[in-house]
C-alpha atoms as a PDB file:
ATOM      1  CA  MET A   1      16.516  13.830 -31.951  1.00  0.00           C
ATOM      2  CA  ALA A   2      13.239  15.735 -32.348  1.00  0.00           C
ATOM      3  CA  ALA A   3      14.119  18.131 -29.517  1.00  0.00           C
ATOM      4  CA  ASP A   4      17.256  19.146 -31.476  1.00  0.00           C
ATOM      5  CA  CYS A   5      19.165  20.151 -28.344  1.00  0.00           C
ATOM      6  CA  GLU A   6      22.423  22.069 -28.666  1.00  0.00           C
ATOM      7  CA  ASN A   7      24.368  19.399 -26.748  1.00  0.00           C
ATOM      8  CA  GLY A   8      22.350  16.415 -27.918  1.00  0.00           C
ATOM      9  CA  PRO A   9      23.573  13.836 -30.443  1.00  0.00           C
ATOM     10  CA  ALA A  10      24.360  15.206 -33.891  1.00  0.00           C
ATOM     11  CA  THR A  11      22.813  12.317 -35.844  1.00  0.00           C
ATOM     12  CA  GLN A  12      20.432   9.397 -35.334  1.00  0.00           C
ATOM     13  CA  GLN A  13      23.351   6.997 -35.800  1.00  0.00           C
ATOM     14  CA  ILE A  14      25.375   8.682 -33.030  1.00  0.00           C
ATOM     15  CA  CYS A  15      22.288   8.658 -30.807  1.00  0.00           C
ATOM     16  CA  GLU A  16      21.817   4.915 -31.317  1.00  0.00           C
ATOM     17  CA  GLN A  17      25.523   4.199 -30.735  1.00  0.00           C
ATOM     18  CA  ASN A  18      25.487   6.237 -27.513  1.00  0.00           C
ATOM     19  CA  CYS A  19      22.391   4.397 -26.280  1.00  0.00           C
ATOM     20  CA  ALA A  20      23.910   0.997 -27.027  1.00  0.00           C
ATOM     21  CA  SER A  21      27.117   1.940 -25.219  1.00  0.00           C
ATOM     22  CA  LEU A  22      25.269   3.266 -22.181  1.00  0.00           C
ATOM     23  CA  LEU A  23      23.207   0.070 -21.960  1.00  0.00           C
ATOM     24  CA  GLN A  24      26.497  -1.835 -21.625  1.00  0.00           C
ATOM     25  CA  SER A  25      28.094   0.592 -19.159  1.00  0.00           C
ATOM     26  CA  GLU A  26      28.396   0.491 -15.374  1.00  0.00           C
ATOM     27  CA  CYS A  27      25.318   2.762 -15.314  1.00  0.00           C
ATOM     28  CA  ALA A  28      23.179   0.431 -17.430  1.00  0.00           C
ATOM     29  CA  ALA A  29      20.535  -0.079 -14.724  1.00  0.00           C
ATOM     30  CA  GLU A  30      20.086   3.650 -14.179  1.00  0.00           C
ATOM     31  CA  TYR A  31      20.062   4.355 -17.916  1.00  0.00           C
ATOM     32  CA  GLY A  32      17.554   1.561 -18.532  1.00  0.00           C
ATOM     33  CA  ALA A  33      15.252   2.984 -15.854  1.00  0.00           C
ATOM     34  CA  LEU A  34      15.477   6.401 -17.500  1.00  0.00           C
ATOM     35  CA  LEU A  35      14.682   4.972 -20.931  1.00  0.00           C
ATOM     36  CA  GLN A  36      11.729   3.018 -19.577  1.00  0.00           C
ATOM     37  CA  CYS A  37      10.342   6.083 -17.825  1.00  0.00           C
ATOM     38  CA  ALA A  38      10.885   8.307 -20.875  1.00  0.00           C
ATOM     39  CA  GLU A  39       8.922   6.047 -23.245  1.00  0.00           C
ATOM     40  CA  GLY A  40       6.181   8.225 -24.740  1.00  0.00           C
ATOM     41  CA  GLU A  41       7.142  11.308 -22.711  1.00  0.00           C
ATOM     42  CA  GLU A  42       8.116  14.694 -24.140  1.00  0.00           C
ATOM     43  CA  VAL A  43      11.845  15.302 -24.566  1.00  0.00           C
ATOM     44  CA  THR A  44      12.944  18.922 -24.250  1.00  0.00           C
ATOM     45  CA  CYS A  45      16.265  20.712 -23.949  1.00  0.00           C
ATOM     46  CA  GLY A  46      17.500  21.413 -20.439  1.00  0.00           C
ATOM     47  CA  PRO A  47      19.315  24.604 -19.383  1.00  0.00           C
ATOM     48  CA  ALA A  48      22.703  23.156 -20.407  1.00  0.00           C
ATOM     49  CA  GLY A  49      21.399  22.168 -23.862  1.00  0.00           C
ATOM     50  CA  PHE A  50      21.130  18.438 -23.159  1.00  0.00           C
ATOM     51  CA  PRO A  51      17.983  16.404 -23.877  1.00  0.00           C
ATOM     52  CA  THR A  52      15.846  15.997 -20.759  1.00  0.00           C
ATOM     53  CA  VAL A  53      12.519  14.417 -19.830  1.00  0.00           C
ATOM     54  CA  ALA A  54      10.745  16.443 -17.146  1.00  0.00           C
ATOM     55  CA  ALA A  55       8.500  13.501 -16.229  1.00  0.00           C
ATOM     56  CA  CYS A  56      11.582  11.442 -15.332  1.00  0.00           C
ATOM     57  CA  ALA A  57      13.581  13.852 -13.185  1.00  0.00           C
ATOM     58  CA  ASP A  58      14.315  11.260 -10.484  1.00  0.00           C
ATOM     59  CA  GLU A  59      15.528   8.670 -12.997  1.00  0.00           C
ATOM     60  CA  GLN A  60      17.605  11.250 -14.846  1.00  0.00           C
ATOM     61  CA  ASP A  61      19.169  12.475 -11.578  1.00  0.00           C
ATOM     62  CA  ALA A  62      20.073   8.883 -10.624  1.00  0.00           C
ATOM     63  CA  PHE A  63      21.635   8.303 -14.055  1.00  0.00           C
ATOM     64  CA  ILE A  64      23.672  11.515 -13.896  1.00  0.00           C
ATOM     65  CA  ALA A  65      24.820  10.702 -10.360  1.00  0.00           C
ATOM     66  CA  CYS A  66      26.011   7.314 -11.594  1.00  0.00           C
ATOM     67  CA  LEU A  67      27.977   8.905 -14.435  1.00  0.00           C
ATOM     68  CA  ASN A  68      29.666  11.325 -12.073  1.00  0.00           C
END
């Protein structure tokens, strides 16, 4: 939420609901790995306006590949 990305969640409640849903999805393992990696790392806005964690590029790529 602190990064306030254009395409990020609009509210804390939506953010928490999205996280809970993703942890129950078919990509739960990839999402969990991304969350674990991102703990304590800086979240910024990527070129498309989505929250991103530069320190976790591999985990984020694996999560996105799973979603697609």
